[in-house]
């Protein structure tokens, strides 16, 4: 069983590739809240995987909350791994995941990061990659994930996460500030360029957007994935003044 979360499609692409190679079923984490599904029965030889993007150098809040609620019936030290997508580095994501899983009595046997195109645009100086760099990252992700798939298939006990510089500062100091101040949906709005196509509504992984008078309205259940911003064909979705002049990215292999 592979549990995954994705906003703009990078982690969805990774999860799909892993599912095919490992022959494991996929479960989209937001569906747990939608269907009140928290308990899963495991087979003796079944692998357990978690796939997610790195948000501000840590697993997304929705992933951490899912793990806290998750019940794995029949857990017998099955091989457990995680794969995270990141634009550059992961900070202490590995340590956060190991601690969250250990709190459930589960052992994390392997963890990997895969470099994918940047999509976070709300921090000062942060923007999407150039088209050239985006294409380079997407091309290099293919052999990188093939290696990850091979190691998982062989049930290797290995961790290969790119922490980057100042990981403690990024994960222990900046991430809590991100969770507290950068996850509010209140600054979202649609400009007059909005054509009412509903792509933002359809792309929201947690169903936080509804159309009112042909324009999107945001609720309070936001994961800060920015899918609504990136998928807009008119670039009409904005987040206060922070997204002005910023670029857009959505994984080309992932449908919303």
C-alpha atoms as a PDB file:
ATOM      1  CA  UNK A   1       0.000   0.000   0.000  1.00  0.00           C
ATOM      2  CA  UNK A   2       1.318   3.422  -0.963  1.00  0.00           C
ATOM      3  CA  UNK A   3      -0.231   6.486   0.674  1.00  0.00           C
ATOM      4  CA  UNK A   4       0.379   9.726  -1.186  1.00  0.00           C
ATOM      5  CA  UNK A   5      -0.370  13.417  -1.214  1.00  0.00           C
ATOM      6  CA  UNK A   6       0.199  15.799  -4.104  1.00  0.00           C
ATOM      7  CA  UNK A   7      -0.834  19.312  -5.037  1.00  0.00           C
ATOM      8  CA  UNK A   8       0.789  20.240  -8.333  1.00  0.00           C
ATOM      9  CA  UNK A   9       1.473  16.698  -9.478  1.00  0.00           C
ATOM     10  CA  UNK A  10       5.149  15.981  -8.776  1.00  0.00           C
ATOM     11  CA  UNK A  11       4.452  13.528  -5.964  1.00  0.00           C
ATOM     12  CA  UNK A  12       1.501  12.060  -7.846  1.00  0.00           C
ATOM     13  CA  UNK A  13       3.833  11.188 -10.706  1.00  0.00           C
ATOM     14  CA  UNK A  14       6.284   9.583  -8.257  1.00  0.00           C
ATOM     15  CA  UNK A  15       3.503   7.627  -6.527  1.00  0.00           C
ATOM     16  CA  UNK A  16       2.176   6.302  -9.828  1.00  0.00           C
ATOM     17  CA  UNK A  17       5.624   5.114 -10.916  1.00  0.00           C
ATOM     18  CA  UNK A  18       6.208   3.416  -7.564  1.00  0.00           C
ATOM     19  CA  UNK A  19       2.797   1.757  -7.641  1.00  0.00           C
ATOM     20  CA  UNK A  20       3.443   0.228 -11.050  1.00  0.00           C
ATOM     21  CA  UNK A  21       6.920  -1.056 -10.198  1.00  0.00           C
ATOM     22  CA  UNK A  22       6.150  -2.295  -6.682  1.00  0.00           C
ATOM     23  CA  UNK A  23       2.684  -3.571  -7.629  1.00  0.00           C
ATOM     24  CA  UNK A  24       1.188  -1.830  -4.623  1.00  0.00           C
ATOM     25  CA  UNK A  25      -2.205  -0.137  -4.403  1.00  0.00           C
ATOM     26  CA  UNK A  26      -2.410   3.647  -4.149  1.00  0.00           C
ATOM     27  CA  UNK A  27      -4.407   5.624  -1.607  1.00  0.00           C
ATOM     28  CA  UNK A  28      -4.802   9.402  -1.882  1.00  0.00           C
ATOM     29  CA  UNK A  29      -4.392  10.813   1.619  1.00  0.00           C
ATOM     30  CA  UNK A  30      -7.125  13.530   1.396  1.00  0.00           C
ATOM     31  CA  UNK A  31      -9.650  10.745   0.756  1.00  0.00           C
ATOM     32  CA  UNK A  32      -9.173   9.655   4.384  1.00  0.00           C
ATOM     33  CA  UNK A  33     -10.966  12.805   5.531  1.00  0.00           C
ATOM     34  CA  UNK A  34     -13.535  12.629   2.741  1.00  0.00           C
ATOM     35  CA  UNK A  35     -14.497   9.006   3.457  1.00  0.00           C
ATOM     36  CA  UNK A  36     -13.446   8.751   7.110  1.00  0.00           C
ATOM     37  CA  UNK A  37     -11.039   5.949   6.198  1.00  0.00           C
ATOM     38  CA  UNK A  38      -8.227   5.416   8.673  1.00  0.00           C
ATOM     39  CA  UNK A  39      -7.783   1.652   9.008  1.00  0.00           C
ATOM     40  CA  UNK A  40      -6.064  -0.537   6.430  1.00  0.00           C
ATOM     41  CA  UNK A  41      -5.378  -4.270   6.532  1.00  0.00           C
ATOM     42  CA  UNK A  42      -1.910  -5.393   5.477  1.00  0.00           C
ATOM     43  CA  UNK A  43      -0.715  -8.556   3.804  1.00  0.00           C
ATOM     44  CA  UNK A  44       2.314 -10.291   5.264  1.00  0.00           C
ATOM     45  CA  UNK A  45       4.622  -9.350   2.376  1.00  0.00           C
ATOM     46  CA  UNK A  46       3.051  -5.968   1.604  1.00  0.00           C
ATOM     47  CA  UNK A  47       5.261  -2.886   1.440  1.00  0.00           C
ATOM     48  CA  UNK A  48       4.114   0.339   3.106  1.00  0.00           C
ATOM     49  CA  UNK A  49       5.023   3.598   1.393  1.00  0.00           C
ATOM     50  CA  UNK A  50       4.410   7.302   1.935  1.00  0.00           C
ATOM     51  CA  UNK A  51       4.904   9.759  -0.931  1.00  0.00           C
ATOM     52  CA  UNK A  52       4.617  13.506  -0.491  1.00  0.00           C
ATOM     53  CA  UNK A  53       6.141  16.880  -1.410  1.00  0.00           C
ATOM     54  CA  UNK A  54       8.363  18.726   1.045  1.00  0.00           C
ATOM     55  CA  UNK A  55       6.698  21.894   2.330  1.00  0.00           C
ATOM     56  CA  UNK A  56       9.079  24.341   3.945  1.00  0.00           C
ATOM     57  CA  UNK A  57      11.594  21.562   4.710  1.00  0.00           C
ATOM     58  CA  UNK A  58       9.166  19.134   6.359  1.00  0.00           C
ATOM     59  CA  UNK A  59       6.321  16.779   5.425  1.00  0.00           C
ATOM     60  CA  UNK A  60       3.026  18.626   4.816  1.00  0.00           C
ATOM     61  CA  UNK A  61       0.780  18.984   7.846  1.00  0.00           C
ATOM     62  CA  UNK A  62      -1.881  16.863   6.157  1.00  0.00           C
ATOM     63  CA  UNK A  63       0.583  13.975   5.859  1.00  0.00           C
ATOM     64  CA  UNK A  64       1.675  14.200   9.476  1.00  0.00           C
ATOM     65  CA  UNK A  65      -1.935  14.323  10.676  1.00  0.00           C
ATOM     66  CA  UNK A  66      -2.804  11.335   8.492  1.00  0.00           C
ATOM     67  CA  UNK A  67      -0.008   9.277  10.035  1.00  0.00           C
ATOM     68  CA  UNK A  68      -1.238  10.170  13.526  1.00  0.00           C
ATOM     69  CA  UNK A  69      -4.726   8.878  12.681  1.00  0.00           C
ATOM     70  CA  UNK A  70      -3.674   5.910  10.533  1.00  0.00           C
ATOM     71  CA  UNK A  71      -4.206   2.331  11.720  1.00  0.00           C
ATOM     72  CA  UNK A  72      -2.340  -0.500   9.988  1.00  0.00           C
ATOM     73  CA  UNK A  73      -4.030  -3.768  10.869  1.00  0.00           C
ATOM     74  CA  UNK A  74      -1.676  -6.722  10.570  1.00  0.00           C
ATOM     75  CA  UNK A  75       1.533  -4.696  10.843  1.00  0.00           C
ATOM     76  CA  UNK A  76       4.394  -7.151  11.378  1.00  0.00           C
ATOM     77  CA  UNK A  77       7.493  -5.100  10.637  1.00  0.00           C
ATOM     78  CA  UNK A  78       6.689  -4.994   6.926  1.00  0.00           C
ATOM     79  CA  UNK A  79       9.100  -2.983   4.802  1.00  0.00           C
ATOM     80  CA  UNK A  80       8.189   0.698   5.234  1.00  0.00           C
ATOM     81  CA  UNK A  81       9.582   3.582   3.196  1.00  0.00           C
ATOM     82  CA  UNK A  82       8.931   7.159   2.153  1.00  0.00           C
ATOM     83  CA  UNK A  83       9.770   9.141  -0.977  1.00  0.00           C
ATOM     84  CA  UNK A  84       9.532  12.915  -0.963  1.00  0.00           C
ATOM     85  CA  UNK A  85       9.753  15.353  -3.831  1.00  0.00           C
ATOM     86  CA  UNK A  86      11.591  18.630  -3.319  1.00  0.00           C
ATOM     87  CA  UNK A  87      12.734  21.564  -5.377  1.00  0.00           C
ATOM     88  CA  UNK A  88      16.212  21.677  -3.867  1.00  0.00           C
ATOM     89  CA  UNK A  89      16.599  20.064  -0.430  1.00  0.00           C
ATOM     90  CA  UNK A  90      14.613  18.420   2.365  1.00  0.00           C
ATOM     91  CA  UNK A  91      15.990  19.821   5.615  1.00  0.00           C
ATOM     92  CA  UNK A  92      15.239  17.373   8.447  1.00  0.00           C
ATOM     93  CA  UNK A  93      12.282  15.735   6.707  1.00  0.00           C
ATOM     94  CA  UNK A  94      13.771  12.289   7.311  1.00  0.00           C
ATOM     95  CA  UNK A  95      13.989  12.857  11.066  1.00  0.00           C
ATOM     96  CA  UNK A  96      10.426  14.210  11.183  1.00  0.00           C
ATOM     97  CA  UNK A  97       9.111  11.151   9.368  1.00  0.00           C
ATOM     98  CA  UNK A  98      11.068   8.684  11.467  1.00  0.00           C
ATOM     99  CA  UNK A  99       9.762  10.281  14.661  1.00  0.00           C
ATOM    100  CA  UNK A 100       6.153  10.332  13.419  1.00  0.00           C
ATOM    101  CA  UNK A 101       6.300   6.679  12.406  1.00  0.00           C
ATOM    102  CA  UNK A 102       8.106   5.591  15.574  1.00  0.00           C
ATOM    103  CA  UNK A 103       5.320   7.207  17.620  1.00  0.00           C
ATOM    104  CA  UNK A 104       2.979   4.661  16.010  1.00  0.00           C
ATOM    105  CA  UNK A 105       5.333   1.775  16.762  1.00  0.00           C
ATOM    106  CA  UNK A 106       6.405   1.478  13.133  1.00  0.00           C
ATOM    107  CA  UNK A 107       9.978   1.282  11.843  1.00  0.00           C
ATOM    108  CA  UNK A 108      10.985   3.344   8.829  1.00  0.00           C
ATOM    109  CA  UNK A 109      13.342   1.203   6.763  1.00  0.00           C
ATOM    110  CA  UNK A 110      14.181   3.591   3.927  1.00  0.00           C
ATOM    111  CA  UNK A 111      13.685   7.155   2.776  1.00  0.00           C
ATOM    112  CA  UNK A 112      14.488   9.007  -0.422  1.00  0.00           C
ATOM    113  CA  UNK A 113      14.197  12.457  -1.943  1.00  0.00           C
ATOM    114  CA  UNK A 114      13.714  13.150  -5.646  1.00  0.00           C
ATOM    115  CA  UNK A 115      14.528  16.577  -7.035  1.00  0.00           C
ATOM    116  CA  UNK A 116      11.601  17.998  -9.002  1.00  0.00           C
ATOM    117  CA  UNK A 117      10.731  21.452 -10.402  1.00  0.00           C
ATOM    118  CA  UNK A 118      10.145  24.202  -7.825  1.00  0.00           C
ATOM    119  CA  UNK A 119       6.559  25.346  -7.326  1.00  0.00           C
ATOM    120  CA  UNK A 120       6.580  27.336  -4.087  1.00  0.00           C
ATOM    121  CA  UNK A 121       6.296  31.053  -4.761  1.00  0.00           C
ATOM    122  CA  UNK A 122       5.136  32.682  -1.508  1.00  0.00           C
ATOM    123  CA  UNK A 123       8.498  33.285   0.172  1.00  0.00           C
ATOM    124  CA  UNK A 124      10.445  36.407  -0.891  1.00  0.00           C
ATOM    125  CA  UNK A 125      12.921  35.445  -3.604  1.00  0.00           C
ATOM    126  CA  UNK A 126      11.179  32.121  -4.291  1.00  0.00           C
ATOM    127  CA  UNK A 127       9.829  31.418  -7.776  1.00  0.00           C
ATOM    128  CA  UNK A 128       9.373  28.554 -10.200  1.00  0.00           C
ATOM    129  CA  UNK A 129      12.384  27.312 -12.131  1.00  0.00           C
ATOM    130  CA  UNK A 130      13.241  28.518 -15.592  1.00  0.00           C
ATOM    131  CA  UNK A 131      11.791  26.345 -18.347  1.00  0.00           C
ATOM    132  CA  UNK A 132      15.258  25.006 -19.091  1.00  0.00           C
ATOM    133  CA  UNK A 133      15.870  24.001 -15.456  1.00  0.00           C
ATOM    134  CA  UNK A 134      12.358  22.581 -15.158  1.00  0.00           C
ATOM    135  CA  UNK A 135      12.931  20.297 -18.150  1.00  0.00           C
ATOM    136  CA  UNK A 136      16.355  19.296 -16.802  1.00  0.00           C
ATOM    137  CA  UNK A 137      14.917  18.330 -13.410  1.00  0.00           C
ATOM    138  CA  UNK A 138      12.070  16.346 -14.994  1.00  0.00           C
ATOM    139  CA  UNK A 139      14.511  14.460 -17.212  1.00  0.00           C
ATOM    140  CA  UNK A 140      16.898  13.679 -14.341  1.00  0.00           C
ATOM    141  CA  UNK A 141      14.029  12.575 -12.104  1.00  0.00           C
ATOM    142  CA  UNK A 142      13.371   9.567 -14.332  1.00  0.00           C
ATOM    143  CA  UNK A 143      16.653   7.688 -13.679  1.00  0.00           C
ATOM    144  CA  UNK A 144      16.671   8.925 -10.076  1.00  0.00           C
ATOM    145  CA  UNK A 145      13.281   7.339  -9.448  1.00  0.00           C
ATOM    146  CA  UNK A 146      14.306   4.183 -11.292  1.00  0.00           C
ATOM    147  CA  UNK A 147      17.129   3.805  -8.765  1.00  0.00           C
ATOM    148  CA  UNK A 148      14.736   4.409  -5.874  1.00  0.00           C
ATOM    149  CA  UNK A 149      12.323   1.851  -7.294  1.00  0.00           C
ATOM    150  CA  UNK A 150      15.107  -0.710  -7.581  1.00  0.00           C
ATOM    151  CA  UNK A 151      16.243  -0.206  -3.990  1.00  0.00           C
ATOM    152  CA  UNK A 152      12.680  -0.484  -2.705  1.00  0.00           C
ATOM    153  CA  UNK A 153      12.036  -3.619  -4.765  1.00  0.00           C
ATOM    154  CA  UNK A 154      15.124  -5.155  -3.144  1.00  0.00           C
ATOM    155  CA  UNK A 155      13.960  -3.936   0.293  1.00  0.00           C
ATOM    156  CA  UNK A 156      17.218  -2.159   0.931  1.00  0.00           C
ATOM    157  CA  UNK A 157      17.677  -0.381   4.258  1.00  0.00           C
ATOM    158  CA  UNK A 158      18.955   2.961   3.045  1.00  0.00           C
ATOM    159  CA  UNK A 159      18.263   6.680   3.460  1.00  0.00           C
ATOM    160  CA  UNK A 160      19.138   9.109   0.682  1.00  0.00           C
ATOM    161  CA  UNK A 161      17.572  12.485   1.437  1.00  0.00           C
ATOM    162  CA  UNK A 162      19.292  15.696   0.413  1.00  0.00           C
ATOM    163  CA  UNK A 163      19.246  17.709   3.641  1.00  0.00           C
ATOM    164  CA  UNK A 164      20.922  20.795   2.203  1.00  0.00           C
ATOM    165  CA  UNK A 165      22.479  23.582   4.235  1.00  0.00           C
ATOM    166  CA  UNK A 166      21.249  24.694   7.675  1.00  0.00           C
ATOM    167  CA  UNK A 167      18.696  21.859   7.982  1.00  0.00           C
ATOM    168  CA  UNK A 168      17.980  22.534  11.675  1.00  0.00           C
ATOM    169  CA  UNK A 169      17.203  26.190  11.015  1.00  0.00           C
ATOM    170  CA  UNK A 170      14.966  25.362   8.069  1.00  0.00           C
ATOM    171  CA  UNK A 171      12.938  22.557   9.657  1.00  0.00           C
ATOM    172  CA  UNK A 172      12.896  23.508  13.338  1.00  0.00           C
ATOM    173  CA  UNK A 173      12.644  27.319  13.031  1.00  0.00           C
ATOM    174  CA  UNK A 174      11.272  28.278   9.591  1.00  0.00           C
ATOM    175  CA  UNK A 175       8.810  25.405   9.158  1.00  0.00           C
ATOM    176  CA  UNK A 176       6.809  26.164  12.348  1.00  0.00           C
ATOM    177  CA  UNK A 177       6.541  29.785  11.183  1.00  0.00           C
ATOM    178  CA  UNK A 178       5.383  28.549   7.777  1.00  0.00           C
ATOM    179  CA  UNK A 179       2.697  26.360   9.363  1.00  0.00           C
ATOM    180  CA  UNK A 180       1.501  29.195  11.573  1.00  0.00           C
ATOM    181  CA  UNK A 181       1.528  32.083   9.122  1.00  0.00           C
ATOM    182  CA  UNK A 182       1.743  30.772   5.533  1.00  0.00           C
ATOM    183  CA  UNK A 183      -1.094  28.238   5.441  1.00  0.00           C
ATOM    184  CA  UNK A 184      -3.963  30.691   5.686  1.00  0.00           C
ATOM    185  CA  UNK A 185      -6.294  30.720   2.655  1.00  0.00           C
ATOM    186  CA  UNK A 186      -7.468  34.255   3.425  1.00  0.00           C
ATOM    187  CA  UNK A 187      -5.101  36.080   0.998  1.00  0.00           C
ATOM    188  CA  UNK A 188      -6.316  34.021  -1.995  1.00  0.00           C
ATOM    189  CA  UNK A 189      -8.479  35.860  -4.499  1.00  0.00           C
ATOM    190  CA  UNK A 190      -9.325  35.786  -8.193  1.00  0.00           C
ATOM    191  CA  UNK A 191      -8.771  38.818 -10.392  1.00  0.00           C
ATOM    192  CA  UNK A 192     -11.137  40.010 -13.099  1.00  0.00           C
ATOM    193  CA  UNK A 193      -9.195  37.815 -15.537  1.00  0.00           C
ATOM    194  CA  UNK A 194     -10.998  34.772 -14.082  1.00  0.00           C
ATOM    195  CA  UNK A 195     -13.124  33.021 -16.722  1.00  0.00           C
ATOM    196  CA  UNK A 196     -14.934  30.672 -14.332  1.00  0.00           C
ATOM    197  CA  UNK A 197     -13.386  27.516 -15.827  1.00  0.00           C
ATOM    198  CA  UNK A 198     -13.420  25.731 -12.417  1.00  0.00           C
ATOM    199  CA  UNK A 199      -9.917  24.342 -12.841  1.00  0.00           C
ATOM    200  CA  UNK A 200      -8.904  25.696  -9.447  1.00  0.00           C
ATOM    201  CA  UNK A 201     -11.926  24.018  -7.851  1.00  0.00           C
ATOM    202  CA  UNK A 202     -11.181  20.686  -9.540  1.00  0.00           C
ATOM    203  CA  UNK A 203      -7.463  20.795  -8.731  1.00  0.00           C
ATOM    204  CA  UNK A 204      -7.822  21.441  -4.989  1.00  0.00           C
ATOM    205  CA  UNK A 205      -6.865  18.137  -3.327  1.00  0.00           C
ATOM    206  CA  UNK A 206      -8.941  18.828  -0.213  1.00  0.00           C
ATOM    207  CA  UNK A 207     -12.030  20.347  -1.825  1.00  0.00           C
ATOM    208  CA  UNK A 208     -11.427  23.753  -0.252  1.00  0.00           C
ATOM    209  CA  UNK A 209     -12.666  25.774  -3.252  1.00  0.00           C
ATOM    210  CA  UNK A 210     -16.244  26.354  -4.360  1.00  0.00           C
ATOM    211  CA  UNK A 211     -17.464  28.519  -7.213  1.00  0.00           C
ATOM    212  CA  UNK A 212     -19.680  31.469  -6.318  1.00  0.00           C
ATOM    213  CA  UNK A 213     -20.979  33.737  -9.041  1.00  0.00           C
ATOM    214  CA  UNK A 214     -18.508  32.143 -11.472  1.00  0.00           C
ATOM    215  CA  UNK A 215     -15.522  32.921  -9.238  1.00  0.00           C
ATOM    216  CA  UNK A 216     -13.659  30.731  -6.739  1.00  0.00           C
ATOM    217  CA  UNK A 217     -14.175  31.130  -3.009  1.00  0.00           C
ATOM    218  CA  UNK A 218     -11.752  29.585  -0.532  1.00  0.00           C
ATOM    219  CA  UNK A 219     -12.779  27.794   2.670  1.00  0.00           C
ATOM    220  CA  UNK A 220     -10.639  27.289   5.777  1.00  0.00           C
ATOM    221  CA  UNK A 221      -9.260  23.819   4.973  1.00  0.00           C
ATOM    222  CA  UNK A 222      -6.101  24.807   3.065  1.00  0.00           C
ATOM    223  CA  UNK A 223      -2.944  22.703   2.721  1.00  0.00           C
ATOM    224  CA  UNK A 224      -0.886  25.490   1.075  1.00  0.00           C
ATOM    225  CA  UNK A 225      -0.210  23.299  -1.961  1.00  0.00           C
ATOM    226  CA  UNK A 226      -0.875  26.210  -4.371  1.00  0.00           C
ATOM    227  CA  UNK A 227      -2.471  23.912  -6.952  1.00  0.00           C
ATOM    228  CA  UNK A 228      -5.228  26.474  -7.522  1.00  0.00           C
ATOM    229  CA  UNK A 229      -2.671  29.159  -8.282  1.00  0.00           C
ATOM    230  CA  UNK A 230      -0.530  27.074 -10.611  1.00  0.00           C
ATOM    231  CA  UNK A 231      -3.356  25.444 -12.591  1.00  0.00           C
ATOM    232  CA  UNK A 232      -5.144  28.695 -13.506  1.00  0.00           C
ATOM    233  CA  UNK A 233      -4.903  29.219 -17.291  1.00  0.00           C
ATOM    234  CA  UNK A 234      -5.485  32.958 -16.928  1.00  0.00           C
ATOM    235  CA  UNK A 235      -3.113  33.455 -13.970  1.00  0.00           C
ATOM    236  CA  UNK A 236      -6.130  34.980 -12.250  1.00  0.00           C
ATOM    237  CA  UNK A 237      -5.600  33.262  -8.886  1.00  0.00           C
ATOM    238  CA  UNK A 238      -3.364  35.355  -6.641  1.00  0.00           C
ATOM    239  CA  UNK A 239      -2.222  35.262  -3.016  1.00  0.00           C
ATOM    240  CA  UNK A 240      -2.228  38.837  -1.792  1.00  0.00           C
ATOM    241  CA  UNK A 241       0.760  40.615  -3.284  1.00  0.00           C
ATOM    242  CA  UNK A 242       3.133  37.670  -2.836  1.00  0.00           C
ATOM    243  CA  UNK A 243       2.400  36.036  -6.174  1.00  0.00           C
ATOM    244  CA  UNK A 244       2.554  39.165  -8.317  1.00  0.00           C
ATOM    245  CA  UNK A 245       4.861  38.515 -11.248  1.00  0.00           C
ATOM    246  CA  UNK A 246       5.656  34.956 -10.134  1.00  0.00           C
ATOM    247  CA  UNK A 247       5.674  31.978 -12.471  1.00  0.00           C
ATOM    248  CA  UNK A 248       3.434  28.913 -12.706  1.00  0.00           C
ATOM    249  CA  UNK A 249       4.121  25.182 -12.761  1.00  0.00           C
ATOM    250  CA  UNK A 250       2.033  22.007 -12.896  1.00  0.00           C
ATOM    251  CA  UNK A 251       3.554  18.573 -13.544  1.00  0.00           C
ATOM    252  CA  UNK A 252       2.996  17.812 -17.235  1.00  0.00           C
ATOM    253  CA  UNK A 253       2.300  14.107 -16.557  1.00  0.00           C
ATOM    254  CA  UNK A 254      -0.332  14.683 -13.890  1.00  0.00           C
ATOM    255  CA  UNK A 255      -3.975  15.459 -14.612  1.00  0.00           C
ATOM    256  CA  UNK A 256      -5.865  17.542 -12.066  1.00  0.00           C
END
